[in-house]
């Protein structure tokens, strides 16, 4: 059972990291050529979805596509929420320090 879990984890990490690495390389090249300056969340989601569908990492079924899109949106919102809260906390701490309060 332990070997099964380790294999499952390794394959999942390989599949999960393959899509973002390919996407990062493509947008890195396009950004270096000045063709892309920023990405919208919808563009990133569509790119991930296309990469996952082309590699048969998820089935071509509307239910799976909907679940993928929902998970992507929730993950995206969660990550940006954490970033927002950490920046607000750091900004408030710096502002308190500049006003002479305790940090």
Protein backbone atom coordinates (compact mmCIF):
# COMPACT_ATOMS: atom_id res chain seq x y z
CA UNK A 1 0.00 0.00 0.00
CA UNK A 2 2.87 2.36 0.82
CA UNK A 3 4.42 1.82 -2.63
CA UNK A 4 1.03 2.48 -4.27
CA UNK A 5 0.66 5.80 -2.44
CA UNK A 6 4.21 6.87 -3.34
CA UNK A 7 3.67 6.00 -7.00
CA UNK A 8 0.33 7.84 -7.00
CA UNK A 9 1.97 10.90 -5.44
CA UNK A 10 4.90 10.90 -7.89
CA UNK A 11 2.65 10.56 -10.93
CA UNK A 12 0.34 13.28 -9.66
CA UNK A 13 3.23 15.65 -9.06
CA UNK A 14 4.65 14.94 -12.51
CA UNK A 15 1.30 15.54 -14.19
CA UNK A 16 0.55 18.65 -12.14
CA UNK A 17 3.94 20.19 -12.76
CA UNK A 18 4.12 19.35 -16.47
CA UNK A 19 1.30 21.65 -17.53
CA UNK A 20 2.46 24.74 -15.64
CA UNK A 21 6.06 24.29 -16.78
CA UNK A 22 5.03 24.06 -20.42
CA UNK A 23 2.76 27.06 -20.01
CA UNK A 24 5.51 29.05 -18.28
CA UNK A 25 7.98 28.30 -21.07
CA UNK A 26 5.52 29.31 -23.79
CA UNK A 27 4.58 32.56 -22.07
CA UNK A 28 8.23 33.24 -21.22
CA UNK A 29 9.13 33.06 -24.90
CA UNK A 30 6.13 35.16 -25.93
CA UNK A 31 6.89 37.69 -23.20
CA UNK A 32 10.53 37.96 -24.28
CA UNK A 33 9.36 38.75 -27.82
CA UNK A 34 6.96 41.41 -26.51
CA UNK A 35 3.86 39.58 -27.72
CA UNK A 36 2.40 38.99 -24.23
CA UNK A 37 2.58 41.41 -21.32
CA UNK A 38 0.09 39.99 -18.83
CA UNK A 39 -2.36 37.12 -18.43
CA UNK A 40 -5.99 37.15 -17.37
CA UNK A 41 -7.23 34.32 -15.13
CA UNK A 42 -9.52 33.07 -17.91
CA UNK A 43 -6.59 32.77 -20.31
CA UNK A 44 -4.60 30.75 -17.80
CA UNK A 45 -7.56 28.48 -17.08
CA UNK A 46 -8.18 27.88 -20.78
CA UNK A 47 -4.50 27.14 -21.38
CA UNK A 48 -4.39 24.65 -18.52
CA UNK A 49 -7.61 23.06 -19.71
CA UNK A 50 -6.31 22.69 -23.27
CA UNK A 51 -3.01 21.22 -22.09
CA UNK A 52 -4.80 18.76 -19.80
CA UNK A 53 -7.26 17.75 -22.54
CA UNK A 54 -4.58 17.35 -25.21
CA UNK A 55 -2.51 15.13 -22.91
CA UNK A 56 -5.62 13.13 -21.86
CA UNK A 57 -5.00 13.98 -18.21
CA UNK A 58 -8.74 14.60 -17.79
CA UNK A 59 -11.56 12.97 -19.78
CA UNK A 60 -13.33 14.94 -22.50
CA UNK A 61 -16.61 15.16 -20.64
CA UNK A 62 -18.46 18.33 -19.66
CA UNK A 63 -18.76 17.14 -16.06
CA UNK A 64 -14.98 16.74 -15.71
CA UNK A 65 -14.34 20.04 -17.48
CA UNK A 66 -16.77 21.76 -15.12
CA UNK A 67 -15.12 20.23 -12.05
CA UNK A 68 -11.68 21.21 -13.36
CA UNK A 69 -12.82 24.79 -13.98
CA UNK A 70 -14.45 25.01 -10.55
CA UNK A 71 -11.34 23.64 -8.81
CA UNK A 72 -9.15 26.04 -10.79
CA UNK A 73 -11.32 29.04 -9.86
CA UNK A 74 -11.42 28.08 -6.18
CA UNK A 75 -7.66 27.47 -6.09
CA UNK A 76 -6.98 30.72 -7.91
CA UNK A 77 -9.19 32.69 -5.53
CA UNK A 78 -7.67 30.99 -2.50
CA UNK A 79 -4.09 31.72 -3.58
CA UNK A 80 -4.86 35.36 -4.36
CA UNK A 81 -6.78 35.69 -1.10
CA UNK A 82 -3.76 34.47 0.85
CA UNK A 83 -1.50 36.86 -1.06
CA UNK A 84 -3.90 39.76 -0.43
CA UNK A 85 -4.13 39.06 3.30
CA UNK A 86 -0.37 38.71 3.71
CA UNK A 87 0.28 41.98 1.86
CA UNK A 88 -2.36 43.80 3.91
CA UNK A 89 -0.84 42.45 7.13
CA UNK A 90 2.67 43.51 6.09
CA UNK A 91 1.44 46.95 4.95
CA UNK A 92 -0.40 47.53 8.23
CA UNK A 93 2.68 46.47 10.22
CA UNK A 94 4.93 48.83 8.23
CA UNK A 95 2.42 51.69 8.63
CA UNK A 96 2.26 51.12 12.42
CA UNK A 97 6.04 51.12 12.55
CA UNK A 98 6.27 54.36 10.57
CA UNK A 99 3.75 56.04 12.90
CA UNK A 100 5.86 55.04 15.89
CA UNK A 101 3.70 52.21 17.18
CA UNK A 102 4.74 48.71 18.12
CA UNK A 103 5.43 46.29 15.26
